Amino acid sequence: MKKLLNTGGLTVAFCLASTPLWADDIVKVNAPNVSYAELQAMLGSSFKTKGIAKKDWLKQTDFNKICSSDKQPSKAEQKRIEAEQMKTIKYPADGKYFGDWKIGEKIAQDGRAMTWKDKSLSQPRGRKHNGGSCYNCHQLGHNELSFGTIGPSLLNYAQRGDSETILKYTWGKIYNAKAYNACSHMPRNGTAGILTEELMKHVMAFLYDPESPVNKK
């Protein structure tokens, strides 16, 4: 769905997505008479919280502002961001990383419950869980005919091993990928509250179980 914003002689069109949109990313036009502050004010007055889509999604975090700049962040900046984001990762309270891979597959192949028109999880007749949208960027099964390619294929993921180091890395990437790559496009599933600890365990099982489509041909 498109929104048209008009201010004087400036008309701005952009698409609403299921992820936050920021002024830096939305508009890059030759409009010398419209300041960035005025643009932010215009967006602030044009959007309202609806359902689970909050108005504060328009507010850009410091690290996203750095990563969406035309200028490539320095290695020092990237390291600083990664160190800060690493502190946000919370590992399983019970020390167990795996749940039910079949539930994990449903989560990985589901992209609903994070858009303005979706019912919140707390609403009557709402969804049982958020989708992880993993399918948008990764190949998740040997028999898939169509899959995302923004991220690497996850086929045969279990072959990477299940040492504590690898398990913590995998969990951390799902929880907050920016801890490993400051400007990663991968959602911060744990930090942003997209997936709970329980749901992340199911996704981990989907990646590791030998019977999962990820590992079994």
N, C-alpha and C. Protein backbone atom coordinates (compact mmCIF):
# COMPACT_ATOMS: atom_id res chain seq x y z
N MET A 1 0.83 -1.18 0.00
CA MET A 1 0.00 0.00 0.00
C MET A 1 0.87 1.23 0.00
N LYS A 2 0.53 2.25 -0.78
CA LYS A 2 1.33 3.46 -0.85
C LYS A 2 0.68 4.60 -0.08
N LYS A 3 1.56 5.40 0.52
CA LYS A 3 1.13 6.63 1.17
C LYS A 3 1.70 7.79 0.40
N LEU A 4 0.92 8.85 0.22
CA LEU A 4 1.39 10.06 -0.43
C LEU A 4 1.42 11.17 0.59
N LEU A 5 2.58 11.77 0.76
CA LEU A 5 2.71 12.89 1.66
C LEU A 5 3.02 14.13 0.85
N ASN A 6 2.31 15.21 1.11
CA ASN A 6 2.51 16.43 0.34
C ASN A 6 2.81 17.59 1.27
N THR A 7 3.89 18.30 0.99
CA THR A 7 4.22 19.48 1.75
C THR A 7 4.65 20.56 0.76
N GLY A 8 3.78 21.53 0.56
CA GLY A 8 4.07 22.57 -0.42
C GLY A 8 4.17 21.94 -1.79
N GLY A 9 5.31 22.14 -2.43
CA GLY A 9 5.50 21.58 -3.77
C GLY A 9 6.15 20.20 -3.73
N LEU A 10 6.36 19.64 -2.51
CA LEU A 10 7.05 18.36 -2.39
C LEU A 10 6.05 17.26 -2.12
N THR A 11 6.02 16.27 -2.97
CA THR A 11 5.18 15.10 -2.74
C THR A 11 6.09 13.90 -2.59
N VAL A 12 5.89 13.16 -1.52
CA VAL A 12 6.74 12.02 -1.21
C VAL A 12 5.90 10.76 -1.22
N ALA A 13 6.31 9.75 -1.96
CA ALA A 13 5.58 8.48 -1.99
C ALA A 13 6.49 7.38 -1.52
N PHE A 14 5.95 6.49 -0.71
CA PHE A 14 6.75 5.35 -0.27
C PHE A 14 5.82 4.21 0.10
N CYS A 15 6.37 3.01 0.21
CA CYS A 15 5.58 1.84 0.52
C CYS A 15 5.68 1.52 2.01
N LEU A 16 4.57 1.11 2.60
CA LEU A 16 4.57 0.68 3.98
C LEU A 16 5.01 -0.78 4.02
N ALA A 17 5.96 -1.09 4.87
CA ALA A 17 6.45 -2.45 4.98
C ALA A 17 6.19 -2.96 6.39
N SER A 18 6.52 -4.22 6.63
CA SER A 18 6.29 -4.81 7.94
C SER A 18 7.42 -4.50 8.90
N THR A 19 8.46 -3.83 8.44
CA THR A 19 9.55 -3.43 9.29
C THR A 19 9.57 -1.91 9.37
N PRO A 20 10.23 -1.34 10.42
CA PRO A 20 10.21 0.11 10.59
C PRO A 20 10.78 0.85 9.39
N LEU A 21 10.21 2.02 9.13
CA LEU A 21 10.68 2.91 8.07
C LEU A 21 11.18 4.19 8.71
N TRP A 22 12.31 4.69 8.25
CA TRP A 22 12.87 5.90 8.83
C TRP A 22 13.01 6.97 7.77
N ALA A 23 13.03 8.22 8.21
CA ALA A 23 13.07 9.34 7.27
C ALA A 23 14.28 9.27 6.36
N ASP A 24 15.44 8.85 6.90
CA ASP A 24 16.65 8.76 6.09
C ASP A 24 16.45 7.81 4.91
N ASP A 25 15.74 6.70 5.17
CA ASP A 25 15.59 5.67 4.15
C ASP A 25 14.43 5.97 3.20
N ILE A 26 13.41 6.66 3.72
CA ILE A 26 12.21 6.89 2.93
C ILE A 26 12.43 7.92 1.83
N VAL A 27 13.11 9.01 2.16
CA VAL A 27 13.17 10.13 1.24
C VAL A 27 14.58 10.57 0.93
N LYS A 28 14.92 10.61 -0.33
CA LYS A 28 16.16 11.22 -0.79
C LYS A 28 15.81 11.98 -2.06
N VAL A 29 15.41 13.23 -1.88
CA VAL A 29 14.95 14.03 -3.00
C VAL A 29 15.63 15.39 -2.97
N ASN A 30 15.57 16.07 -4.08
CA ASN A 30 16.13 17.41 -4.18
C ASN A 30 15.08 18.41 -3.73
N ALA A 31 15.05 18.68 -2.42
CA ALA A 31 14.04 19.58 -1.86
C ALA A 31 14.73 20.54 -0.90
N PRO A 32 15.42 21.55 -1.40
CA PRO A 32 16.21 22.45 -0.57
C PRO A 32 15.40 23.24 0.44
N ASN A 33 14.09 23.36 0.23
CA ASN A 33 13.26 24.16 1.12
C ASN A 33 12.63 23.34 2.25
N VAL A 34 12.89 22.04 2.25
CA VAL A 34 12.32 21.18 3.29
C VAL A 34 13.48 20.60 4.11
N SER A 35 13.54 20.97 5.37
CA SER A 35 14.62 20.49 6.23
C SER A 35 14.32 19.08 6.72
N TYR A 36 15.35 18.42 7.22
CA TYR A 36 15.17 17.07 7.75
C TYR A 36 14.23 17.11 8.95
N ALA A 37 14.35 18.16 9.79
CA ALA A 37 13.48 18.29 10.95
C ALA A 37 12.03 18.43 10.54
N GLU A 38 11.80 19.21 9.47
CA GLU A 38 10.43 19.39 8.98
C GLU A 38 9.87 18.08 8.44
N LEU A 39 10.73 17.31 7.77
CA LEU A 39 10.31 16.02 7.24
C LEU A 39 9.93 15.07 8.38
N GLN A 40 10.75 15.06 9.43
CA GLN A 40 10.45 14.21 10.58
C GLN A 40 9.12 14.61 11.22
N ALA A 41 8.89 15.93 11.33
CA ALA A 41 7.64 16.42 11.91
C ALA A 41 6.46 15.99 11.05
N MET A 42 6.64 16.04 9.73
CA MET A 42 5.58 15.65 8.81
C MET A 42 5.25 14.17 8.98
N LEU A 43 6.27 13.34 9.08
CA LEU A 43 6.04 11.91 9.27
C LEU A 43 5.38 11.65 10.61
N GLY A 44 5.82 12.40 11.64
CA GLY A 44 5.26 12.21 12.96
C GLY A 44 3.77 12.52 13.02
N SER A 45 3.35 13.51 12.26
CA SER A 45 1.94 13.89 12.26
C SER A 45 1.11 13.01 11.32
N SER A 46 1.77 12.28 10.43
CA SER A 46 1.06 11.47 9.44
C SER A 46 0.80 10.05 9.91
N PHE A 47 1.60 9.57 10.88
CA PHE A 47 1.48 8.19 11.33
C PHE A 47 0.86 8.12 12.71
N LYS A 48 0.11 7.07 12.96
CA LYS A 48 -0.47 6.80 14.26
C LYS A 48 -0.26 5.33 14.61
N THR A 49 -0.17 5.06 15.91
CA THR A 49 -0.08 3.68 16.36
C THR A 49 -1.37 2.95 15.99
N LYS A 50 -1.24 1.78 15.42
CA LYS A 50 -2.42 0.98 15.08
C LYS A 50 -2.10 -0.48 15.32
N GLY A 51 -2.87 -1.10 16.18
CA GLY A 51 -2.61 -2.50 16.50
C GLY A 51 -1.24 -2.65 17.15
N ILE A 52 -0.46 -3.59 16.64
CA ILE A 52 0.86 -3.81 17.22
C ILE A 52 1.92 -2.96 16.56
N ALA A 53 1.56 -2.24 15.50
CA ALA A 53 2.51 -1.35 14.82
C ALA A 53 2.56 -0.02 15.56
N LYS A 54 3.67 0.24 16.20
CA LYS A 54 3.80 1.42 17.05
C LYS A 54 4.39 2.60 16.29
N LYS A 55 3.95 3.78 16.66
CA LYS A 55 4.45 4.99 16.03
C LYS A 55 5.94 5.17 16.27
N ASP A 56 6.42 4.68 17.41
CA ASP A 56 7.84 4.85 17.71
C ASP A 56 8.74 4.01 16.81
N TRP A 57 8.14 3.18 15.96
CA TRP A 57 8.95 2.46 14.97
C TRP A 57 9.62 3.43 14.00
N LEU A 58 9.09 4.64 13.92
CA LEU A 58 9.68 5.64 13.03
C LEU A 58 11.00 6.18 13.57
N LYS A 59 11.22 6.00 14.87
CA LYS A 59 12.43 6.52 15.49
C LYS A 59 13.61 5.59 15.18
N GLN A 60 14.64 6.14 14.62
CA GLN A 60 15.78 5.35 14.19
C GLN A 60 16.83 5.27 15.31
N THR A 61 17.29 4.05 15.59
CA THR A 61 18.33 3.88 16.60
C THR A 61 19.65 4.44 16.07
N ASP A 62 20.55 4.72 16.98
CA ASP A 62 21.84 5.29 16.58
C ASP A 62 22.58 4.39 15.60
N PHE A 63 22.60 3.07 15.87
CA PHE A 63 23.36 2.18 14.99
C PHE A 63 22.70 2.03 13.63
N ASN A 64 21.36 2.08 13.58
CA ASN A 64 20.70 2.01 12.28
C ASN A 64 20.92 3.29 11.48
N LYS A 65 21.00 4.41 12.18
CA LYS A 65 21.27 5.67 11.51
C LYS A 65 22.66 5.64 10.88
N ILE A 66 23.63 5.07 11.61
CA ILE A 66 24.99 4.96 11.10
C ILE A 66 25.04 4.03 9.89
N CYS A 67 24.34 2.90 9.99
CA CYS A 67 24.40 1.90 8.93
C CYS A 67 23.59 2.28 7.69
N SER A 68 22.61 3.17 7.82
CA SER A 68 21.82 3.58 6.67
C SER A 68 22.36 4.85 6.02
N SER A 69 23.47 5.34 6.53
CA SER A 69 24.09 6.53 5.96
C SER A 69 24.74 6.19 4.62
N ASP A 70 24.90 7.19 3.78
CA ASP A 70 25.59 6.99 2.50
C ASP A 70 27.07 6.67 2.72
N LYS A 71 27.56 7.02 3.89
CA LYS A 71 28.96 6.80 4.21
C LYS A 71 29.14 5.48 4.97
N GLN A 72 30.03 4.65 4.50
CA GLN A 72 30.30 3.37 5.13
C GLN A 72 30.89 3.60 6.53
N PRO A 73 30.31 3.00 7.56
CA PRO A 73 30.85 3.21 8.90
C PRO A 73 32.27 2.66 9.01
N SER A 74 33.07 3.30 9.82
CA SER A 74 34.45 2.87 10.00
C SER A 74 34.48 1.53 10.73
N LYS A 75 35.60 0.84 10.65
CA LYS A 75 35.74 -0.44 11.35
C LYS A 75 35.60 -0.24 12.85
N ALA A 76 36.09 0.89 13.34
CA ALA A 76 35.98 1.18 14.77
C ALA A 76 34.52 1.33 15.17
N GLU A 77 33.72 2.02 14.34
CA GLU A 77 32.31 2.19 14.63
C GLU A 77 31.59 0.85 14.60
N GLN A 78 31.93 0.03 13.62
CA GLN A 78 31.30 -1.29 13.53
C GLN A 78 31.62 -2.14 14.75
N LYS A 79 32.85 -2.13 15.18
CA LYS A 79 33.26 -2.89 16.36
C LYS A 79 32.54 -2.39 17.61
N ARG A 80 32.36 -1.07 17.70
CA ARG A 80 31.67 -0.50 18.85
C ARG A 80 30.21 -0.95 18.88
N ILE A 81 29.56 -0.89 17.71
CA ILE A 81 28.16 -1.32 17.62
C ILE A 81 28.03 -2.79 17.98
N GLU A 82 28.90 -3.62 17.42
CA GLU A 82 28.84 -5.06 17.67
C GLU A 82 29.03 -5.37 19.15
N ALA A 83 29.96 -4.66 19.79
CA ALA A 83 30.21 -4.88 21.22
C ALA A 83 28.99 -4.49 22.05
N GLU A 84 28.34 -3.40 21.69
CA GLU A 84 27.15 -2.95 22.41
C GLU A 84 26.00 -3.93 22.22
N GLN A 85 25.82 -4.41 20.98
CA GLN A 85 24.72 -5.33 20.70
C GLN A 85 24.96 -6.71 21.30
N MET A 86 26.21 -7.11 21.43
CA MET A 86 26.53 -8.40 22.04
C MET A 86 26.02 -8.44 23.48
N LYS A 87 26.01 -7.31 24.15
CA LYS A 87 25.57 -7.24 25.54
C LYS A 87 24.07 -7.48 25.67
N THR A 88 23.32 -7.35 24.57
CA THR A 88 21.87 -7.53 24.63
C THR A 88 21.45 -9.00 24.55
N ILE A 89 22.36 -9.87 24.12
CA ILE A 89 22.01 -11.27 23.90
C ILE A 89 21.82 -11.99 25.23
N LYS A 90 20.68 -12.67 25.36
CA LYS A 90 20.39 -13.47 26.54
C LYS A 90 20.28 -14.92 26.11
N TYR A 91 21.12 -15.75 26.68
CA TYR A 91 21.12 -17.17 26.34
C TYR A 91 20.05 -17.91 27.16
N PRO A 92 19.67 -19.12 26.74
CA PRO A 92 18.59 -19.84 27.42
C PRO A 92 18.82 -19.93 28.93
N ALA A 93 17.82 -19.58 29.69
CA ALA A 93 17.93 -19.56 31.14
C ALA A 93 18.23 -20.95 31.70
N ASP A 94 17.70 -21.99 31.03
CA ASP A 94 17.90 -23.35 31.52
C ASP A 94 19.09 -24.04 30.86
N GLY A 95 19.80 -23.32 30.00
CA GLY A 95 20.98 -23.90 29.34
C GLY A 95 20.65 -24.82 28.19
N LYS A 96 19.36 -24.97 27.87
CA LYS A 96 18.94 -25.87 26.79
C LYS A 96 18.61 -25.05 25.55
N TYR A 97 19.12 -25.49 24.40
CA TYR A 97 18.98 -24.71 23.17
C TYR A 97 17.89 -25.20 22.22
N PHE A 98 17.37 -26.40 22.46
CA PHE A 98 16.48 -26.99 21.45
C PHE A 98 15.06 -27.24 21.94
N GLY A 99 14.12 -27.04 21.00
CA GLY A 99 12.72 -27.32 21.25
C GLY A 99 12.23 -28.34 20.24
N ASP A 100 11.11 -28.06 19.60
CA ASP A 100 10.48 -28.96 18.62
C ASP A 100 10.74 -28.41 17.21
N TRP A 101 11.44 -29.16 16.39
CA TRP A 101 11.81 -28.65 15.06
C TRP A 101 10.59 -28.43 14.17
N LYS A 102 9.52 -29.20 14.39
CA LYS A 102 8.32 -29.03 13.56
C LYS A 102 7.66 -27.68 13.82
N ILE A 103 7.67 -27.27 15.07
CA ILE A 103 7.16 -25.94 15.41
C ILE A 103 8.12 -24.89 14.85
N GLY A 104 9.42 -25.18 14.95
CA GLY A 104 10.43 -24.27 14.43
C GLY A 104 10.28 -24.04 12.93
N GLU A 105 9.91 -25.09 12.20
CA GLU A 105 9.71 -24.95 10.76
C GLU A 105 8.55 -24.00 10.47
N LYS A 106 7.47 -24.13 11.23
CA LYS A 106 6.31 -23.25 11.03
C LYS A 106 6.68 -21.80 11.29
N ILE A 107 7.50 -21.58 12.31
CA ILE A 107 7.92 -20.22 12.65
C ILE A 107 8.82 -19.66 11.55
N ALA A 108 9.76 -20.48 11.09
CA ALA A 108 10.71 -20.03 10.07
C ALA A 108 10.03 -19.72 8.74
N GLN A 109 8.96 -20.45 8.44
CA GLN A 109 8.25 -20.28 7.18
C GLN A 109 7.08 -19.31 7.30
N ASP A 110 6.98 -18.62 8.41
CA ASP A 110 5.85 -17.73 8.67
C ASP A 110 6.35 -16.30 8.81
N GLY A 111 5.68 -15.37 8.15
CA GLY A 111 6.08 -13.97 8.24
C GLY A 111 5.00 -13.08 8.80
N ARG A 112 3.95 -13.67 9.38
CA ARG A 112 2.82 -12.88 9.87
C ARG A 112 2.98 -12.47 11.34
N ALA A 113 2.06 -11.59 11.74
CA ALA A 113 1.92 -11.13 13.13
C ALA A 113 2.80 -9.95 13.48
N MET A 114 3.49 -9.36 12.50
CA MET A 114 4.32 -8.19 12.80
C MET A 114 3.93 -7.00 11.93
N THR A 115 2.74 -7.01 11.34
CA THR A 115 2.26 -5.88 10.55
C THR A 115 1.07 -5.24 11.25
N TRP A 116 0.74 -4.04 10.86
CA TRP A 116 -0.28 -3.27 11.55
C TRP A 116 -1.64 -3.94 11.57
N LYS A 117 -1.95 -4.76 10.56
CA LYS A 117 -3.29 -5.35 10.49
C LYS A 117 -3.38 -6.70 11.21
N ASP A 118 -2.26 -7.21 11.70
CA ASP A 118 -2.27 -8.49 12.40
C ASP A 118 -2.76 -8.31 13.84
N LYS A 119 -3.47 -9.27 14.33
CA LYS A 119 -3.90 -9.25 15.72
C LYS A 119 -2.69 -9.48 16.62
N SER A 120 -2.64 -8.80 17.75
CA SER A 120 -1.53 -9.01 18.68
C SER A 120 -1.70 -10.37 19.35
N LEU A 121 -0.62 -10.85 19.94
CA LEU A 121 -0.66 -12.17 20.56
C LEU A 121 -1.57 -12.18 21.79
N SER A 122 -1.81 -11.01 22.39
CA SER A 122 -2.62 -10.93 23.60
C SER A 122 -4.11 -10.76 23.31
N GLN A 123 -4.45 -10.50 22.05
CA GLN A 123 -5.86 -10.30 21.71
C GLN A 123 -6.61 -11.62 21.65
N PRO A 124 -7.89 -11.60 22.02
CA PRO A 124 -8.71 -12.81 21.85
C PRO A 124 -8.68 -13.25 20.39
N ARG A 125 -8.54 -14.52 20.18
CA ARG A 125 -8.47 -15.09 18.84
C ARG A 125 -7.27 -14.57 18.05
N GLY A 126 -6.28 -14.08 18.78
CA GLY A 126 -5.04 -13.64 18.14
C GLY A 126 -4.18 -14.83 17.78
N ARG A 127 -3.01 -14.56 17.23
CA ARG A 127 -2.12 -15.64 16.84
C ARG A 127 -1.42 -16.23 18.06
N LYS A 128 -0.92 -17.47 17.92
CA LYS A 128 -0.22 -18.11 19.01
C LYS A 128 1.22 -17.62 19.11
N HIS A 129 1.77 -17.18 17.99
CA HIS A 129 3.16 -16.71 18.00
C HIS A 129 3.44 -15.86 16.77
N ASN A 130 4.50 -15.10 16.83
CA ASN A 130 4.96 -14.35 15.66
C ASN A 130 5.67 -15.27 14.69
N GLY A 131 5.70 -14.89 13.44
CA GLY A 131 6.52 -15.60 12.47
C GLY A 131 7.93 -15.05 12.49
N GLY A 132 8.88 -15.86 12.08
CA GLY A 132 10.27 -15.42 12.06
C GLY A 132 10.71 -14.85 10.72
N SER A 133 9.93 -15.13 9.67
CA SER A 133 10.22 -14.64 8.31
C SER A 133 11.58 -15.12 7.78
N CYS A 134 12.07 -16.22 8.30
CA CYS A 134 13.38 -16.73 7.87
C CYS A 134 13.40 -17.07 6.38
N TYR A 135 12.25 -17.52 5.87
CA TYR A 135 12.15 -17.94 4.47
C TYR A 135 12.42 -16.80 3.49
N ASN A 136 12.24 -15.57 3.95
CA ASN A 136 12.44 -14.42 3.07
C ASN A 136 13.88 -14.29 2.60
N CYS A 137 14.80 -14.77 3.40
CA CYS A 137 16.22 -14.55 3.11
C CYS A 137 17.06 -15.81 2.99
N HIS A 138 16.55 -16.94 3.45
CA HIS A 138 17.37 -18.16 3.50
C HIS A 138 16.70 -19.35 2.82
N GLN A 139 17.52 -20.25 2.29
CA GLN A 139 17.03 -21.54 1.83
C GLN A 139 16.92 -22.44 3.06
N LEU A 140 15.75 -23.04 3.27
CA LEU A 140 15.49 -23.77 4.50
C LEU A 140 15.25 -25.26 4.30
N GLY A 141 15.20 -25.71 3.05
CA GLY A 141 14.92 -27.13 2.83
C GLY A 141 15.48 -27.62 1.51
N HIS A 142 15.83 -28.90 1.46
CA HIS A 142 16.42 -29.48 0.25
C HIS A 142 15.44 -29.53 -0.91
N ASN A 143 14.15 -29.57 -0.62
CA ASN A 143 13.16 -29.70 -1.68
C ASN A 143 12.45 -28.39 -2.01
N GLU A 144 12.93 -27.28 -1.50
CA GLU A 144 12.32 -25.99 -1.79
C GLU A 144 12.58 -25.58 -3.23
N LEU A 145 11.56 -25.07 -3.89
CA LEU A 145 11.70 -24.60 -5.27
C LEU A 145 11.95 -23.10 -5.32
N SER A 146 11.49 -22.41 -4.30
CA SER A 146 11.65 -20.96 -4.26
C SER A 146 12.05 -20.55 -2.86
N PHE A 147 13.07 -19.70 -2.76
CA PHE A 147 13.54 -19.28 -1.43
C PHE A 147 14.32 -17.98 -1.56
N GLY A 148 14.47 -17.30 -0.44
CA GLY A 148 15.20 -16.04 -0.41
C GLY A 148 16.70 -16.27 -0.54
N THR A 149 17.38 -15.30 -1.07
CA THR A 149 18.83 -15.42 -1.26
C THR A 149 19.61 -14.23 -0.68
N ILE A 150 18.93 -13.36 0.06
CA ILE A 150 19.63 -12.25 0.69
C ILE A 150 20.63 -12.78 1.71
N GLY A 151 20.21 -13.80 2.44
CA GLY A 151 21.09 -14.44 3.42
C GLY A 151 21.62 -15.75 2.86
N PRO A 152 22.59 -16.36 3.53
CA PRO A 152 23.17 -17.63 3.05
C PRO A 152 22.20 -18.79 3.18
N SER A 153 22.39 -19.82 2.37
CA SER A 153 21.60 -21.04 2.49
C SER A 153 21.90 -21.68 3.85
N LEU A 154 20.85 -22.24 4.47
CA LEU A 154 21.02 -22.89 5.77
C LEU A 154 20.99 -24.41 5.65
N LEU A 155 21.06 -24.92 4.41
CA LEU A 155 21.04 -26.37 4.21
C LEU A 155 22.18 -27.04 4.97
N ASN A 156 21.85 -28.21 5.55
CA ASN A 156 22.83 -29.01 6.27
C ASN A 156 23.50 -28.23 7.41
N TYR A 157 22.71 -27.39 8.05
CA TYR A 157 23.28 -26.54 9.10
C TYR A 157 23.90 -27.36 10.23
N ALA A 158 23.33 -28.51 10.51
CA ALA A 158 23.83 -29.33 11.62
C ALA A 158 25.28 -29.76 11.41
N GLN A 159 25.74 -29.76 10.17
CA GLN A 159 27.12 -30.17 9.88
C GLN A 159 28.14 -29.19 10.46
N ARG A 160 27.67 -28.02 10.86
CA ARG A 160 28.58 -27.05 11.47
C ARG A 160 29.03 -27.48 12.86
N GLY A 161 28.32 -28.45 13.42
CA GLY A 161 28.69 -28.95 14.73
C GLY A 161 27.82 -28.38 15.83
N ASP A 162 27.85 -29.04 16.99
CA ASP A 162 27.02 -28.61 18.10
C ASP A 162 27.85 -28.32 19.35
N SER A 163 29.05 -27.85 19.15
CA SER A 163 29.86 -27.45 20.29
C SER A 163 29.21 -26.25 20.97
N GLU A 164 29.57 -25.98 22.21
CA GLU A 164 29.00 -24.86 22.93
C GLU A 164 29.25 -23.55 22.19
N THR A 165 30.42 -23.44 21.58
CA THR A 165 30.77 -22.22 20.85
C THR A 165 29.84 -22.01 19.66
N ILE A 166 29.61 -23.08 18.89
CA ILE A 166 28.75 -22.98 17.71
C ILE A 166 27.30 -22.74 18.11
N LEU A 167 26.85 -23.41 19.17
CA LEU A 167 25.47 -23.23 19.62
C LEU A 167 25.23 -21.80 20.09
N LYS A 168 26.18 -21.24 20.83
CA LYS A 168 26.04 -19.88 21.32
C LYS A 168 26.07 -18.88 20.15
N TYR A 169 26.91 -19.17 19.16
CA TYR A 169 26.98 -18.31 17.97
C TYR A 169 25.65 -18.33 17.23
N THR A 170 25.10 -19.52 17.01
CA THR A 170 23.83 -19.65 16.27
C THR A 170 22.71 -18.97 17.03
N TRP A 171 22.65 -19.20 18.31
CA TRP A 171 21.62 -18.55 19.14
C TRP A 171 21.78 -17.03 19.07
N GLY A 172 23.02 -16.58 19.18
CA GLY A 172 23.29 -15.15 19.15
C GLY A 172 22.90 -14.50 17.83
N LYS A 173 23.14 -15.20 16.72
CA LYS A 173 22.78 -14.67 15.40
C LYS A 173 21.27 -14.51 15.28
N ILE A 174 20.53 -15.48 15.80
CA ILE A 174 19.08 -15.40 15.75
C ILE A 174 18.59 -14.29 16.69
N TYR A 175 19.20 -14.20 17.84
CA TYR A 175 18.78 -13.23 18.86
C TYR A 175 19.07 -11.80 18.42
N ASN A 176 20.29 -11.55 17.96
CA ASN A 176 20.68 -10.21 17.52
C ASN A 176 21.89 -10.30 16.60
N ALA A 177 21.63 -10.38 15.31
CA ALA A 177 22.70 -10.56 14.32
C ALA A 177 23.67 -9.38 14.28
N LYS A 178 23.23 -8.23 14.75
CA LYS A 178 24.09 -7.05 14.72
C LYS A 178 25.26 -7.18 15.69
N ALA A 179 25.20 -8.14 16.57
CA ALA A 179 26.32 -8.39 17.48
C ALA A 179 27.51 -8.99 16.73
N TYR A 180 27.24 -9.54 15.54
CA TYR A 180 28.28 -10.17 14.74
C TYR A 180 28.56 -9.40 13.46
N ASN A 181 27.59 -8.64 13.02
CA ASN A 181 27.72 -7.81 11.82
C ASN A 181 26.90 -6.55 12.05
N ALA A 182 27.57 -5.46 12.35
CA ALA A 182 26.91 -4.23 12.78
C ALA A 182 25.78 -3.79 11.87
N CYS A 183 25.95 -3.96 10.59
CA CYS A 183 24.96 -3.47 9.63
C CYS A 183 24.19 -4.61 8.97
N SER A 184 24.07 -5.72 9.67
CA SER A 184 23.32 -6.87 9.17
C SER A 184 21.87 -6.48 8.90
N HIS A 185 21.28 -7.06 7.85
CA HIS A 185 19.87 -6.83 7.52
C HIS A 185 18.96 -7.80 8.28
N MET A 186 19.55 -8.72 8.99
CA MET A 186 18.77 -9.73 9.71
C MET A 186 18.07 -9.10 10.91
N PRO A 187 16.79 -9.43 11.13
CA PRO A 187 16.06 -8.86 12.27
C PRO A 187 16.70 -9.24 13.60
N ARG A 188 16.57 -8.36 14.57
CA ARG A 188 17.04 -8.64 15.93
C ARG A 188 15.90 -9.37 16.66
N ASN A 189 15.76 -10.65 16.36
CA ASN A 189 14.59 -11.40 16.81
C ASN A 189 14.38 -11.40 18.31
N GLY A 190 15.47 -11.55 19.06
CA GLY A 190 15.36 -11.57 20.51
C GLY A 190 15.30 -10.18 21.10
N THR A 191 16.26 -9.35 20.72
CA THR A 191 16.34 -7.99 21.27
C THR A 191 15.10 -7.18 20.96
N ALA A 192 14.56 -7.33 19.77
CA ALA A 192 13.38 -6.56 19.35
C ALA A 192 12.06 -7.19 19.81
N GLY A 193 12.14 -8.35 20.45
CA GLY A 193 10.93 -8.98 20.95
C GLY A 193 10.09 -9.66 19.91
N ILE A 194 10.71 -10.02 18.77
CA ILE A 194 9.97 -10.71 17.72
C ILE A 194 9.72 -12.16 18.11
N LEU A 195 10.76 -12.82 18.63
CA LEU A 195 10.65 -14.21 19.06
C LEU A 195 11.00 -14.34 20.53
N THR A 196 10.23 -15.13 21.24
CA THR A 196 10.53 -15.41 22.65
C THR A 196 11.63 -16.47 22.74
N GLU A 197 12.13 -16.69 23.93
CA GLU A 197 13.14 -17.72 24.14
C GLU A 197 12.62 -19.09 23.70
N GLU A 198 11.38 -19.39 24.04
CA GLU A 198 10.78 -20.67 23.66
C GLU A 198 10.74 -20.83 22.14
N LEU A 199 10.32 -19.79 21.44
CA LEU A 199 10.22 -19.87 19.98
C LEU A 199 11.59 -20.00 19.35
N MET A 200 12.58 -19.33 19.91
CA MET A 200 13.93 -19.44 19.38
C MET A 200 14.48 -20.85 19.54
N LYS A 201 14.10 -21.52 20.62
CA LYS A 201 14.53 -22.92 20.81
C LYS A 201 13.96 -23.80 19.70
N HIS A 202 12.73 -23.54 19.32
CA HIS A 202 12.12 -24.32 18.24
C HIS A 202 12.86 -24.07 16.91
N VAL A 203 13.24 -22.83 16.66
CA VAL A 203 13.98 -22.51 15.43
C VAL A 203 15.36 -23.17 15.47
N MET A 204 15.99 -23.18 16.62
CA MET A 204 17.29 -23.85 16.76
C MET A 204 17.14 -25.34 16.44
N ALA A 205 16.09 -25.96 16.92
CA ALA A 205 15.85 -27.38 16.64
C ALA A 205 15.64 -27.59 15.14
N PHE A 206 14.95 -26.68 14.51
CA PHE A 206 14.73 -26.76 13.06
C PHE A 206 16.06 -26.76 12.31
N LEU A 207 17.02 -25.99 12.79
CA LEU A 207 18.33 -25.92 12.14
C LEU A 207 19.19 -27.16 12.41
N TYR A 208 18.96 -27.83 13.55
CA TYR A 208 19.88 -28.89 13.96
C TYR A 208 19.33 -30.31 13.90
N ASP A 209 18.04 -30.47 14.00
CA ASP A 209 17.50 -31.84 14.05
C ASP A 209 17.77 -32.57 12.74
N PRO A 210 18.27 -33.81 12.79
CA PRO A 210 18.58 -34.57 11.57
C PRO A 210 17.36 -34.88 10.72
N GLU A 211 16.16 -34.83 11.32
CA GLU A 211 14.93 -35.09 10.58
C GLU A 211 14.34 -33.83 9.95
N SER A 212 14.90 -32.70 10.28
CA SER A 212 14.41 -31.43 9.73
C SER A 212 14.72 -31.33 8.26
N PRO A 213 13.89 -30.64 7.46
CA PRO A 213 14.14 -30.44 6.03
C PRO A 213 15.47 -29.72 5.78
N VAL A 214 15.95 -29.01 6.78
CA VAL A 214 17.23 -28.33 6.65
C VAL A 214 18.35 -29.35 6.46
N ASN A 215 18.23 -30.49 7.13
CA ASN A 215 19.33 -31.47 7.14
C ASN A 215 19.02 -32.77 6.41
N LYS A 216 17.75 -33.08 6.21
CA LYS A 216 17.38 -34.35 5.60
C LYS A 216 16.89 -34.14 4.17
N LYS A 217 17.46 -34.87 3.23
CA LYS A 217 17.05 -34.75 1.83
C LYS A 217 15.82 -35.58 1.57
